Structure formats: C-alpha cells, structure tokens
PDB file of N, CA and C in Angstrom:
ATOM      1  N   MET A   1     -14.649  20.206 -15.512  1.00  0.00           N
ATOM      2  CA  MET A   1     -13.497  20.728 -14.823  1.00  0.00           C
ATOM      3  C   MET A   1     -12.576  19.561 -14.500  1.00  0.00           C
ATOM      4  N   GLY A   2     -11.310  19.682 -14.848  1.00  0.00           N
ATOM      5  CA  GLY A   2     -10.357  18.601 -14.681  1.00  0.00           C
ATOM      6  C   GLY A   2      -9.700  18.607 -13.311  1.00  0.00           C
ATOM      7  N   GLU A   3      -8.998  17.567 -13.064  1.00  0.00           N
ATOM      8  CA  GLU A   3      -8.271  17.408 -11.820  1.00  0.00           C
ATOM      9  C   GLU A   3      -6.999  18.254 -11.869  1.00  0.00           C
ATOM     10  N   PRO A   4      -6.650  18.961 -10.787  1.00  0.00           N
ATOM     11  CA  PRO A   4      -5.401  19.726 -10.782  1.00  0.00           C
ATOM     12  C   PRO A   4      -4.196  18.813 -11.020  1.00  0.00           C
ATOM     13  N   GLN A   5      -3.137  19.376 -11.581  1.00  0.00           N
ATOM     14  CA  GLN A   5      -1.961  18.587 -11.939  1.00  0.00           C
ATOM     15  C   GLN A   5      -1.339  17.894 -10.730  1.00  0.00           C
ATOM     16  N   ALA A   6      -1.229  18.599  -9.620  1.00  0.00           N
ATOM     17  CA  ALA A   6      -0.635  17.999  -8.415  1.00  0.00           C
ATOM     18  C   ALA A   6      -1.466  16.815  -7.940  1.00  0.00           C
ATOM     19  N   ALA A   7      -2.783  16.955  -7.960  1.00  0.00           N
ATOM     20  CA  ALA A   7      -3.657  15.863  -7.522  1.00  0.00           C
ATOM     21  C   ALA A   7      -3.552  14.675  -8.467  1.00  0.00           C
ATOM     22  N   ALA A   8      -3.462  14.939  -9.764  1.00  0.00           N
ATOM     23  CA  ALA A   8      -3.335  13.851 -10.739  1.00  0.00           C
ATOM     24  C   ALA A   8      -2.021  13.096 -10.534  1.00  0.00           C
ATOM     25  N   THR A   9      -0.959  13.831 -10.266  1.00  0.00           N
ATOM     26  CA  THR A   9       0.338  13.203 -10.018  1.00  0.00           C
ATOM     27  C   THR A   9       0.306  12.372  -8.740  1.00  0.00           C
ATOM     28  N   LEU A  10      -0.290  12.911  -7.692  1.00  0.00           N
ATOM     29  CA  LEU A  10      -0.385  12.182  -6.427  1.00  0.00           C
ATOM     30  C   LEU A  10      -1.285  10.958  -6.559  1.00  0.00           C
ATOM     31  N   ARG A  11      -2.330  11.065  -7.346  1.00  0.00           N
ATOM     32  CA  ARG A  11      -3.211   9.922  -7.584  1.00  0.00           C
ATOM     33  C   ARG A  11      -2.448   8.801  -8.286  1.00  0.00           C
ATOM     34  N   LEU A  12      -1.685   9.152  -9.303  1.00  0.00           N
ATOM     35  CA  LEU A  12      -0.871   8.163 -10.015  1.00  0.00           C
ATOM     36  C   LEU A  12       0.187   7.563  -9.090  1.00  0.00           C
ATOM     37  N   LEU A  13       0.808   8.387  -8.272  1.00  0.00           N
ATOM     38  CA  LEU A  13       1.799   7.905  -7.314  1.00  0.00           C
ATOM     39  C   LEU A  13       1.164   6.928  -6.328  1.00  0.00           C
ATOM     40  N   THR A  14      -0.013   7.266  -5.832  1.00  0.00           N
ATOM     41  CA  THR A  14      -0.721   6.401  -4.883  1.00  0.00           C
ATOM     42  C   THR A  14      -1.031   5.042  -5.501  1.00  0.00           C
ATOM     43  N   LEU A  15      -1.559   5.050  -6.708  1.00  0.00           N
ATOM     44  CA  LEU A  15      -1.893   3.777  -7.368  1.00  0.00           C
ATOM     45  C   LEU A  15      -0.636   2.961  -7.674  1.00  0.00           C
ATOM     46  N   THR A  16       0.436   3.630  -8.040  1.00  0.00           N
ATOM     47  CA  THR A  16       1.704   2.939  -8.297  1.00  0.00           C
ATOM     48  C   THR A  16       2.246   2.311  -7.018  1.00  0.00           C
ATOM     49  N   LEU A  17       2.201   3.051  -5.916  1.00  0.00           N
ATOM     50  CA  LEU A  17       2.706   2.532  -4.644  1.00  0.00           C
ATOM     51  C   LEU A  17       1.878   1.344  -4.157  1.00  0.00           C
ATOM     52  N   ILE A  18       0.567   1.397  -4.371  1.00  0.00           N
ATOM     53  CA  ILE A  18      -0.264   0.252  -3.988  1.00  0.00           C
ATOM     54  C   ILE A  18       0.125  -0.965  -4.811  1.00  0.00           C
ATOM     55  N   GLY A  19       0.325  -0.770  -6.106  1.00  0.00           N
ATOM     56  CA  GLY A  19       0.742  -1.880  -6.965  1.00  0.00           C
ATOM     57  C   GLY A  19       2.083  -2.450  -6.541  1.00  0.00           C
ATOM     58  N   LEU A  20       3.024  -1.575  -6.209  1.00  0.00           N
ATOM     59  CA  LEU A  20       4.341  -2.032  -5.758  1.00  0.00           C
ATOM     60  C   LEU A  20       4.258  -2.776  -4.428  1.00  0.00           C
ATOM     61  N   LEU A  21       3.427  -2.274  -3.523  1.00  0.00           N
ATOM     62  CA  LEU A  21       3.287  -2.934  -2.227  1.00  0.00           C
ATOM     63  C   LEU A  21       2.614  -4.302  -2.379  1.00  0.00           C
ATOM     64  N   ILE A  22       1.628  -4.399  -3.249  1.00  0.00           N
ATOM     65  CA  ILE A  22       0.998  -5.697  -3.523  1.00  0.00           C
ATOM     66  C   ILE A  22       2.029  -6.662  -4.106  1.00  0.00           C
ATOM     67  N   ALA A  23       2.798  -6.195  -5.092  1.00  0.00           N
ATOM     68  CA  ALA A  23       3.814  -7.056  -5.711  1.00  0.00           C
ATOM     69  C   ALA A  23       4.860  -7.488  -4.689  1.00  0.00           C
ATOM     70  N   LEU A  24       5.269  -6.581  -3.815  1.00  0.00           N
ATOM     71  CA  LEU A  24       6.261  -6.913  -2.798  1.00  0.00           C
ATOM     72  C   LEU A  24       5.733  -7.959  -1.826  1.00  0.00           C
ATOM     73  N   VAL A  25       4.523  -7.771  -1.343  1.00  0.00           N
ATOM     74  CA  VAL A  25       3.960  -8.708  -0.369  1.00  0.00           C
ATOM     75  C   VAL A  25       3.784 -10.088  -0.995  1.00  0.00           C
ATOM     76  N   VAL A  26       3.306 -10.146  -2.233  1.00  0.00           N
ATOM     77  CA  VAL A  26       3.129 -11.436  -2.898  1.00  0.00           C
ATOM     78  C   VAL A  26       4.482 -12.106  -3.122  1.00  0.00           C
ATOM     79  N   SER A  27       5.468 -11.368  -3.612  1.00  0.00           N
ATOM     80  CA  SER A  27       6.775 -11.978  -3.864  1.00  0.00           C
ATOM     81  C   SER A  27       7.463 -12.368  -2.560  1.00  0.00           C
ATOM     82  N   TRP A  28       7.283 -11.589  -1.497  1.00  0.00           N
ATOM     83  CA  TRP A  28       7.849 -11.905  -0.191  1.00  0.00           C
ATOM     84  C   TRP A  28       7.239 -13.190   0.350  1.00  0.00           C
ATOM     85  N   THR A  29       5.921 -13.313   0.241  1.00  0.00           N
ATOM     86  CA  THR A  29       5.226 -14.496   0.737  1.00  0.00           C
ATOM     87  C   THR A  29       5.604 -15.740  -0.054  1.00  0.00           C
ATOM     88  N   LEU A  30       5.747 -15.588  -1.356  1.00  0.00           N
ATOM     89  CA  LEU A  30       6.025 -16.746  -2.205  1.00  0.00           C
ATOM     90  C   LEU A  30       7.517 -16.982  -2.427  1.00  0.00           C
ATOM     91  N   SER A  31       8.383 -16.189  -1.807  1.00  0.00           N
ATOM     92  CA  SER A  31       9.820 -16.337  -2.029  1.00  0.00           C
ATOM     93  C   SER A  31      10.374 -17.652  -1.480  1.00  0.00           C
ATOM     94  N   ALA A  32       9.723 -18.219  -0.485  1.00  0.00           N
ATOM     95  CA  ALA A  32      10.190 -19.481   0.092  1.00  0.00           C
ATOM     96  C   ALA A  32       9.657 -20.688  -0.670  1.00  0.00           C
ATOM     97  N   GLY A  33       8.921 -20.461  -1.732  1.00  0.00           N
ATOM     98  CA  GLY A  33       8.377 -21.561  -2.523  1.00  0.00           C
ATOM     99  C   GLY A  33       6.880 -21.409  -2.708  1.00  0.00           C
ATOM    100  N   LEU A  34       6.393 -21.976  -3.772  1.00  0.00           N
ATOM    101  CA  LEU A  34       4.973 -21.888  -4.090  1.00  0.00           C
ATOM    102  C   LEU A  34       4.250 -23.107  -3.532  1.00  0.00           C
ATOM    103  N   SER A  35       3.228 -22.840  -2.759  1.00  0.00           N
ATOM    104  CA  SER A  35       2.368 -23.898  -2.244  1.00  0.00           C
ATOM    105  C   SER A  35       0.970 -23.320  -2.098  1.00  0.00           C
ATOM    106  N   ALA A  36       0.008 -24.172  -1.902  1.00  0.00           N
ATOM    107  CA  ALA A  36      -1.375 -23.701  -1.759  1.00  0.00           C
ATOM    108  C   ALA A  36      -1.515 -22.819  -0.523  1.00  0.00           C
ATOM    109  N   GLY A  37      -0.879 -23.211   0.559  1.00  0.00           N
ATOM    110  CA  GLY A  37      -0.958 -22.421   1.788  1.00  0.00           C
ATOM    111  C   GLY A  37      -0.343 -21.040   1.634  1.00  0.00           C
ATOM    112  N   ARG A  38       0.799 -20.981   0.976  1.00  0.00           N
ATOM    113  CA  ARG A  38       1.445 -19.681   0.763  1.00  0.00           C
ATOM    114  C   ARG A  38       0.642 -18.806  -0.197  1.00  0.00           C
ATOM    115  N   ALA A  39       0.031 -19.420  -1.198  1.00  0.00           N
ATOM    116  CA  ALA A  39      -0.801 -18.666  -2.140  1.00  0.00           C
ATOM    117  C   ALA A  39      -2.011 -18.066  -1.423  1.00  0.00           C
ATOM    118  N   VAL A  40      -2.621 -18.832  -0.535  1.00  0.00           N
ATOM    119  CA  VAL A  40      -3.760 -18.324   0.232  1.00  0.00           C
ATOM    120  C   VAL A  40      -3.297 -17.215   1.172  1.00  0.00           C
ATOM    121  N   LEU A  41      -2.141 -17.407   1.802  1.00  0.00           N
ATOM    122  CA  LEU A  41      -1.598 -16.373   2.687  1.00  0.00           C
ATOM    123  C   LEU A  41      -1.333 -15.089   1.908  1.00  0.00           C
ATOM    124  N   ALA A  42      -0.761 -15.199   0.727  1.00  0.00           N
ATOM    125  CA  ALA A  42      -0.513 -14.018  -0.102  1.00  0.00           C
ATOM    126  C   ALA A  42      -1.820 -13.311  -0.445  1.00  0.00           C
ATOM    127  N   LEU A  43      -2.837 -14.071  -0.770  1.00  0.00           N
ATOM    128  CA  LEU A  43      -4.139 -13.488  -1.092  1.00  0.00           C
ATOM    129  C   LEU A  43      -4.730 -12.762   0.115  1.00  0.00           C
ATOM    130  N   VAL A  44      -4.647 -13.381   1.272  1.00  0.00           N
ATOM    131  CA  VAL A  44      -5.174 -12.765   2.492  1.00  0.00           C
ATOM    132  C   VAL A  44      -4.392 -11.492   2.833  1.00  0.00           C
ATOM    133  N   LEU A  45      -3.079 -11.531   2.616  1.00  0.00           N
ATOM    134  CA  LEU A  45      -2.262 -10.364   2.949  1.00  0.00           C
ATOM    135  C   LEU A  45      -2.520  -9.170   2.034  1.00  0.00           C
ATOM    136  N   ILE A  46      -2.944  -9.405   0.800  1.00  0.00           N
ATOM    137  CA  ILE A  46      -3.163  -8.271  -0.098  1.00  0.00           C
ATOM    138  C   ILE A  46      -4.604  -7.759  -0.081  1.00  0.00           C
ATOM    139  N   LEU A  47      -5.511  -8.469   0.577  1.00  0.00           N
ATOM    140  CA  LEU A  47      -6.909  -8.026   0.607  1.00  0.00           C
ATOM    141  C   LEU A  47      -7.105  -6.600   1.136  1.00  0.00           C
ATOM    142  N   PRO A  48      -6.419  -6.193   2.226  1.00  0.00           N
ATOM    143  CA  PRO A  48      -6.619  -4.806   2.678  1.00  0.00           C
ATOM    144  C   PRO A  48      -6.204  -3.756   1.643  1.00  0.00           C
ATOM    145  N   LEU A  49      -5.260  -4.090   0.775  1.00  0.00           N
ATOM    146  CA  LEU A  49      -4.856  -3.134  -0.264  1.00  0.00           C
ATOM    147  C   LEU A  49      -5.819  -3.141  -1.446  1.00  0.00           C
ATOM    148  N   CYS A  50      -6.474  -4.250  -1.669  1.00  0.00           N
ATOM    149  CA  CYS A  50      -7.415  -4.345  -2.790  1.00  0.00           C
ATOM    150  C   CYS A  50      -8.757  -3.679  -2.468  1.00  0.00           C
ATOM    151  N   ALA A  51      -9.097  -3.605  -1.182  1.00  0.00           N
ATOM    152  CA  ALA A  51     -10.394  -3.051  -0.778  1.00  0.00           C
ATOM    153  C   ALA A  51     -10.630  -1.624  -1.287  1.00  0.00           C
ATOM    154  N   PRO A  52      -9.674  -0.701  -1.183  1.00  0.00           N
ATOM    155  CA  PRO A  52      -9.961   0.668  -1.610  1.00  0.00           C
ATOM    156  C   PRO A  52      -9.681   0.959  -3.089  1.00  0.00           C
ATOM    157  N   LEU A  53      -9.228  -0.015  -3.854  1.00  0.00           N
ATOM    158  CA  LEU A  53      -8.789   0.261  -5.231  1.00  0.00           C
ATOM    159  C   LEU A  53      -9.870   0.926  -6.087  1.00  0.00           C
ATOM    160  N   ARG A  54     -11.090   0.429  -6.024  1.00  0.00           N
ATOM    161  CA  ARG A  54     -12.160   0.987  -6.863  1.00  0.00           C
ATOM    162  C   ARG A  54     -12.376   2.475  -6.582  1.00  0.00           C
ATOM    163  N   GLY A  55     -12.444   2.826  -5.309  1.00  0.00           N
ATOM    164  CA  GLY A  55     -12.642   4.226  -4.947  1.00  0.00           C
ATOM    165  C   GLY A  55     -11.443   5.099  -5.276  1.00  0.00           C
ATOM    166  N   LEU A  56     -10.246   4.543  -5.168  1.00  0.00           N
ATOM    167  CA  LEU A  56      -9.052   5.314  -5.506  1.00  0.00           C
ATOM    168  C   LEU A  56      -9.006   5.618  -6.995  1.00  0.00           C
ATOM    169  N   VAL A  57      -9.353   4.637  -7.797  1.00  0.00           N
ATOM    170  CA  VAL A  57      -9.369   4.849  -9.247  1.00  0.00           C
ATOM    171  C   VAL A  57     -10.438   5.874  -9.623  1.00  0.00           C
ATOM    172  N   ARG A  58     -11.547   5.889  -8.890  1.00  0.00           N
ATOM    173  CA  ARG A  58     -12.651   6.822  -9.169  1.00  0.00           C
ATOM    174  C   ARG A  58     -12.473   8.195  -8.516  1.00  0.00           C
ATOM    175  N   ARG A  59     -11.329   8.402  -7.858  1.00  0.00           N
ATOM    176  CA  ARG A  59     -10.983   9.691  -7.232  1.00  0.00           C
ATOM    177  C   ARG A  59     -11.934  10.084  -6.096  1.00  0.00           C
ATOM    178  N   GLU A  60     -12.401   9.147  -5.326  1.00  0.00           N
ATOM    179  CA  GLU A  60     -13.306   9.443  -4.215  1.00  0.00           C
ATOM    180  C   GLU A  60     -12.487   9.808  -2.981  1.00  0.00           C
ATOM    181  N   ARG A  61     -12.628  11.048  -2.543  1.00  0.00           N
ATOM    182  CA  ARG A  61     -11.823  11.551  -1.420  1.00  0.00           C
ATOM    183  C   ARG A  61     -12.028  10.734  -0.160  1.00  0.00           C
ATOM    184  N   ARG A  62     -13.260  10.305   0.099  1.00  0.00           N
ATOM    185  CA  ARG A  62     -13.526   9.516   1.310  1.00  0.00           C
ATOM    186  C   ARG A  62     -12.729   8.214   1.290  1.00  0.00           C
ATOM    187  N   THR A  63     -12.573   7.634   0.106  1.00  0.00           N
ATOM    188  CA  THR A  63     -11.800   6.396  -0.001  1.00  0.00           C
ATOM    189  C   THR A  63     -10.332   6.666   0.307  1.00  0.00           C
ATOM    190  N   TYR A  64      -9.807   7.786  -0.171  1.00  0.00           N
ATOM    191  CA  TYR A  64      -8.415   8.138   0.138  1.00  0.00           C
ATOM    192  C   TYR A  64      -8.235   8.316   1.643  1.00  0.00           C
ATOM    193  N   ALA A  65      -9.258   8.829   2.302  1.00  0.00           N
ATOM    194  CA  ALA A  65      -9.174   9.031   3.750  1.00  0.00           C
ATOM    195  C   ALA A  65      -9.142   7.698   4.489  1.00  0.00           C
ATOM    196  N   TRP A  66     -10.075   6.801   4.194  1.00  0.00           N
ATOM    197  CA  TRP A  66     -10.077   5.539   4.947  1.00  0.00           C
ATOM    198  C   TRP A  66      -9.033   4.556   4.445  1.00  0.00           C
ATOM    199  N   ALA A  67      -8.497   4.769   3.253  1.00  0.00           N
ATOM    200  CA  ALA A  67      -7.435   3.889   2.756  1.00  0.00           C
ATOM    201  C   ALA A  67      -6.159   4.021   3.591  1.00  0.00           C
ATOM    202  N   THR A  68      -6.004   5.154   4.284  1.00  0.00           N
ATOM    203  CA  THR A  68      -4.841   5.294   5.157  1.00  0.00           C
ATOM    204  C   THR A  68      -4.858   4.227   6.247  1.00  0.00           C
ATOM    205  N   LEU A  69      -6.041   3.802   6.653  1.00  0.00           N
ATOM    206  CA  LEU A  69      -6.152   2.748   7.664  1.00  0.00           C
ATOM    207  C   LEU A  69      -5.736   1.389   7.112  1.00  0.00           C
ATOM    208  N   CYS A  70      -5.872   1.203   5.807  1.00  0.00           N
ATOM    209  CA  CYS A  70      -5.498  -0.064   5.182  1.00  0.00           C
ATOM    210  C   CYS A  70      -3.984  -0.237   5.087  1.00  0.00           C
ATOM    211  N   VAL A  71      -3.248   0.833   5.265  1.00  0.00           N
ATOM    212  CA  VAL A  71      -1.788   0.784   5.158  1.00  0.00           C
ATOM    213  C   VAL A  71      -1.155   0.350   6.481  1.00  0.00           C
ATOM    214  N   ILE A  72      -1.848   0.545   7.582  1.00  0.00           N
ATOM    215  CA  ILE A  72      -1.288   0.266   8.908  1.00  0.00           C
ATOM    216  C   ILE A  72      -0.805  -1.178   9.070  1.00  0.00           C
ATOM    217  N   PRO A  73      -1.545  -2.200   8.594  1.00  0.00           N
ATOM    218  CA  PRO A  73      -1.025  -3.569   8.773  1.00  0.00           C
ATOM    219  C   PRO A  73       0.335  -3.801   8.106  1.00  0.00           C
ATOM    220  N   TYR A  74       0.590  -3.156   6.987  1.00  0.00           N
ATOM    221  CA  TYR A  74       1.864  -3.335   6.279  1.00  0.00           C
ATOM    222  C   TYR A  74       2.993  -2.605   6.990  1.00  0.00           C
ATOM    223  N   PHE A  75       2.669  -1.480   7.585  1.00  0.00           N
ATOM    224  CA  PHE A  75       3.648  -0.775   8.410  1.00  0.00           C
ATOM    225  C   PHE A  75       4.030  -1.638   9.609  1.00  0.00           C
ATOM    226  N   VAL A  76       3.015  -2.188  10.285  1.00  0.00           N
ATOM    227  CA  VAL A  76       3.255  -3.029  11.462  1.00  0.00           C
ATOM    228  C   VAL A  76       4.004  -4.300  11.067  1.00  0.00           C
ATOM    229  N   MET A  77       3.609  -4.918   9.960  1.00  0.00           N
ATOM    230  CA  MET A  77       4.274  -6.131   9.509  1.00  0.00           C
ATOM    231  C   MET A  77       5.743  -5.853   9.180  1.00  0.00           C
ATOM    232  N   GLY A  78       6.013  -4.772   8.477  1.00  0.00           N
ATOM    233  CA  GLY A  78       7.389  -4.427   8.133  1.00  0.00           C
ATOM    234  C   GLY A  78       8.224  -4.116   9.360  1.00  0.00           C
ATOM    235  N   LEU A  79       7.651  -3.387  10.285  1.00  0.00           N
ATOM    236  CA  LEU A  79       8.363  -3.036  11.504  1.00  0.00           C
ATOM    237  C   LEU A  79       8.636  -4.276  12.360  1.00  0.00           C
ATOM    238  N   THR A  80       7.639  -5.112  12.521  1.00  0.00           N
ATOM    239  CA  THR A  80       7.788  -6.324  13.330  1.00  0.00           C
ATOM    240  C   THR A  80       8.815  -7.272  12.723  1.00  0.00           C
ATOM    241  N   GLU A  81       8.720  -7.505  11.428  1.00  0.00           N
ATOM    242  CA  GLU A  81       9.654  -8.424  10.777  1.00  0.00           C
ATOM    243  C   GLU A  81      11.084  -7.882  10.768  1.00  0.00           C
ATOM    244  N   SER A  82      11.234  -6.582  10.675  1.00  0.00           N
ATOM    245  CA  SER A  82      12.595  -6.027  10.674  1.00  0.00           C
ATOM    246  C   SER A  82      13.264  -6.204  12.036  1.00  0.00           C
ATOM    247  N   VAL A  83      12.476  -6.222  13.093  1.00  0.00           N
ATOM    248  CA  VAL A  83      13.027  -6.429  14.428  1.00  0.00           C
ATOM    249  C   VAL A  83      13.196  -7.918  14.721  1.00  0.00           C
ATOM    250  N   ALA A  84      12.209  -8.720  14.369  1.00  0.00           N
ATOM    251  CA  ALA A  84      12.180 -10.128  14.770  1.00  0.00           C
ATOM    252  C   ALA A  84      12.956 -11.061  13.843  1.00  0.00           C
ATOM    253  N   ASN A  85      13.115 -10.685  12.589  1.00  0.00           N
ATOM    254  CA  ASN A  85      13.723 -11.591  11.622  1.00  0.00           C
ATOM    255  C   ASN A  85      14.900 -10.906  10.925  1.00  0.00           C
ATOM    256  N   PRO A  86      16.109 -11.082  11.426  1.00  0.00           N
ATOM    257  CA  PRO A  86      17.267 -10.413  10.815  1.00  0.00           C
ATOM    258  C   PRO A  86      17.519 -10.832   9.373  1.00  0.00           C
ATOM    259  N   HIS A  87      17.128 -12.055   9.006  1.00  0.00           N
ATOM    260  CA  HIS A  87      17.357 -12.531   7.641  1.00  0.00           C
ATOM    261  C   HIS A  87      16.372 -11.915   6.648  1.00  0.00           C
ATOM    262  N   GLY A  88      15.258 -11.402   7.139  1.00  0.00           N
ATOM    263  CA  GLY A  88      14.255 -10.821   6.259  1.00  0.00           C
ATOM    264  C   GLY A  88      14.230  -9.312   6.276  1.00  0.00           C
ATOM    265  N   ARG A  89      15.319  -8.707   6.698  1.00  0.00           N
ATOM    266  CA  ARG A  89      15.328  -7.239   6.826  1.00  0.00           C
ATOM    267  C   ARG A  89      15.214  -6.510   5.492  1.00  0.00           C
ATOM    268  N   LEU A  90      15.699  -7.094   4.436  1.00  0.00           N
ATOM    269  CA  LEU A  90      15.573  -6.448   3.133  1.00  0.00           C
ATOM    270  C   LEU A  90      14.097  -6.368   2.726  1.00  0.00           C
ATOM    271  N   TRP A  91      13.395  -7.495   2.853  1.00  0.00           N
ATOM    272  CA  TRP A  91      11.966  -7.511   2.526  1.00  0.00           C
ATOM    273  C   TRP A  91      11.170  -6.595   3.449  1.00  0.00           C
ATOM    274  N   SER A  92      11.436  -6.715   4.744  1.00  0.00           N
ATOM    275  CA  SER A  92      10.652  -5.930   5.702  1.00  0.00           C
ATOM    276  C   SER A  92      10.968  -4.437   5.588  1.00  0.00           C
ATOM    277  N   GLY A  93      12.209  -4.107   5.300  1.00  0.00           N
ATOM    278  CA  GLY A  93      12.556  -2.702   5.101  1.00  0.00           C
ATOM    279  C   GLY A  93      11.866  -2.115   3.884  1.00  0.00           C
ATOM    280  N   ALA A  94      11.802  -2.891   2.814  1.00  0.00           N
ATOM    281  CA  ALA A  94      11.103  -2.440   1.609  1.00  0.00           C
ATOM    282  C   ALA A  94       9.608  -2.285   1.882  1.00  0.00           C
ATOM    283  N   CYS A  95       9.037  -3.225   2.627  1.00  0.00           N
ATOM    284  CA  CYS A  95       7.618  -3.148   2.977  1.00  0.00           C
ATOM    285  C   CYS A  95       7.343  -1.920   3.841  1.00  0.00           C
ATOM    286  N   LEU A  96       8.192  -1.684   4.797  1.00  0.00           N
ATOM    287  CA  LEU A  96       8.048  -0.527   5.676  1.00  0.00           C
ATOM    288  C   LEU A  96       8.160   0.774   4.885  1.00  0.00           C
ATOM    289  N   ALA A  97       9.145   0.855   4.006  1.00  0.00           N
ATOM    290  CA  ALA A  97       9.334   2.069   3.204  1.00  0.00           C
ATOM    291  C   ALA A  97       8.142   2.313   2.279  1.00  0.00           C
ATOM    292  N   LEU A  98       7.674   1.270   1.602  1.00  0.00           N
ATOM    293  CA  LEU A  98       6.528   1.437   0.704  1.00  0.00           C
ATOM    294  C   LEU A  98       5.266   1.811   1.470  1.00  0.00           C
ATOM    295  N   ALA A  99       5.074   1.217   2.644  1.00  0.00           N
ATOM    296  CA  ALA A  99       3.895   1.546   3.446  1.00  0.00           C
ATOM    297  C   ALA A  99       3.928   3.007   3.889  1.00  0.00           C
ATOM    298  N   LEU A 100       5.093   3.470   4.311  1.00  0.00           N
ATOM    299  CA  LEU A 100       5.207   4.877   4.719  1.00  0.00           C
ATOM    300  C   LEU A 100       4.995   5.824   3.538  1.00  0.00           C
ATOM    301  N   LEU A 101       5.591   5.491   2.400  1.00  0.00           N
ATOM    302  CA  LEU A 101       5.406   6.328   1.206  1.00  0.00           C
ATOM    303  C   LEU A 101       3.953   6.361   0.769  1.00  0.00           C
ATOM    304  N   LEU A 102       3.291   5.216   0.824  1.00  0.00           N
ATOM    305  CA  LEU A 102       1.879   5.159   0.452  1.00  0.00           C
ATOM    306  C   LEU A 102       1.035   5.998   1.404  1.00  0.00           C
ATOM    307  N   PHE A 103       1.303   5.907   2.685  1.00  0.00           N
ATOM    308  CA  PHE A 103       0.568   6.697   3.671  1.00  0.00           C
ATOM    309  C   PHE A 103       0.734   8.192   3.399  1.00  0.00           C
ATOM    310  N   VAL A 104       1.961   8.601   3.150  1.00  0.00           N
ATOM    311  CA  VAL A 104       2.237  10.018   2.866  1.00  0.00           C
ATOM    312  C   VAL A 104       1.556  10.446   1.570  1.00  0.00           C
ATOM    313  N   ALA A 105       1.578   9.601   0.544  1.00  0.00           N
ATOM    314  CA  ALA A 105       0.937   9.934  -0.731  1.00  0.00           C
ATOM    315  C   ALA A 105      -0.577  10.075  -0.570  1.00  0.00           C
ATOM    316  N   LEU A 106      -1.189   9.206   0.225  1.00  0.00           N
ATOM    317  CA  LEU A 106      -2.633   9.308   0.463  1.00  0.00           C
ATOM    318  C   LEU A 106      -2.977  10.621   1.166  1.00  0.00           C
ATOM    319  N   ILE A 107      -2.211  10.971   2.171  1.00  0.00           N
ATOM    320  CA  ILE A 107      -2.453  12.223   2.895  1.00  0.00           C
ATOM    321  C   ILE A 107      -2.202  13.425   1.981  1.00  0.00           C
ATOM    322  N   ALA A 108      -1.152  13.362   1.183  1.00  0.00           N
ATOM    323  CA  ALA A 108      -0.845  14.461   0.267  1.00  0.00           C
ATOM    324  C   ALA A 108      -1.969  14.649  -0.748  1.00  0.00           C
ATOM    325  N   TYR A 109      -2.537  13.544  -1.250  1.00  0.00           N
ATOM    326  CA  TYR A 109      -3.665  13.669  -2.180  1.00  0.00           C
ATOM    327  C   TYR A 109      -4.840  14.344  -1.501  1.00  0.00           C
ATOM    328  N   LEU A 110      -5.118  13.969  -0.268  1.00  0.00           N
ATOM    329  CA  LEU A 110      -6.225  14.598   0.463  1.00  0.00           C
ATOM    330  C   LEU A 110      -5.986  16.094   0.653  1.00  0.00           C
ATOM    331  N   ARG A 111      -4.759  16.454   0.939  1.00  0.00           N
ATOM    332  CA  ARG A 111      -4.453  17.875   1.094  1.00  0.00           C
ATOM    333  C   ARG A 111      -4.557  18.638  -0.220  1.00  0.00           C
ATOM    334  N   ALA A 112      -4.141  18.000  -1.306  1.00  0.00           N
ATOM    335  CA  ALA A 112      -4.167  18.658  -2.623  1.00  0.00           C
ATOM    336  C   ALA A 112      -5.591  18.824  -3.149  1.00  0.00           C
ATOM    337  N   THR A 113      -6.513  17.981  -2.696  1.00  0.00           N
ATOM    338  CA  THR A 113      -7.876  18.026  -3.231  1.00  0.00           C
ATOM    339  C   THR A 113      -8.882  18.547  -2.215  1.00  0.00           C
ATOM    340  N   ARG A 114      -8.429  19.088  -1.105  1.00  0.00           N
ATOM    341  CA  ARG A 114      -9.386  19.557  -0.108  1.00  0.00           C
ATOM    342  C   ARG A 114     -10.186  20.731  -0.663  1.00  0.00           C
ATOM    343  N   PRO A 115     -11.442  20.805  -0.278  1.00  0.00           N
ATOM    344  CA  PRO A 115     -12.291  21.911  -0.750  1.00  0.00           C
ATOM    345  C   PRO A 115     -11.800  23.254  -0.214  1.00  0.00           C
ATOM    346  N   ARG A 116     -11.922  24.233  -1.027  1.00  0.00           N
ATOM    347  CA  ARG A 116     -11.457  25.580  -0.639  1.00  0.00           C
ATOM    348  C   ARG A 116     -12.513  26.279   0.163  1.00  0.00           C
TER     349      ARG A 116
END
C-alpha cells in the first residue's frame, strides 16, 4: 500500500524545507568569511536539523512529531536576530520564514498521515 498523494507531497516539502534551512544557516554563518571557528559554528547550528533526517526519509511518524521540537531553535534565532541586528534582518527574516514553514509542513504531514 502506497503513501497518499498529499502525504507524499508534504514529505517532499518537509525535506526540501530542511535542506533550504540548512543551506541558509550555513551560508548565513559563513557570509562574514570562512574560518575554522565559523565552520564549527555552522556545523553546530545545523546539528538539530540533521538529527531527524533519517526518520523523516523513512516516513516515521514519531520522527515527524519530535522533529517539530528541532525547529524551535531556528525560530528563536531568527526572531532574536531580526530584533537585535538590523543589518541582518534579511537573513533572520528568511530563517524565521523557513522555520515557520517547516513547522507547518511537519504538522501538516502528521495530520495527513494520522490513523483513521
């Protein structure tokens, strides 16, 4: 039995948004120049997004549920930076938007795949 079309679309959207958020955080961190410290910071910042990837690819509903918690740091980071750093509002706004979209996509997938 295959995955319903809506769930498959939401799964693809979720994985795409995670990839975009990872790319944004890495490029944001390294935008001021490449150094060992910034590379380590970028790696540390993307770890919460990498943690649920295996379960998301395998369509594990429990992973989609707890992955919503992994999005909170990016929401907080985007919100904090948009208030505290006027020069970084473009980056922080993009981070905030992607984090919110990812959160909504994760919840939508859970709703689309809930047991009847």
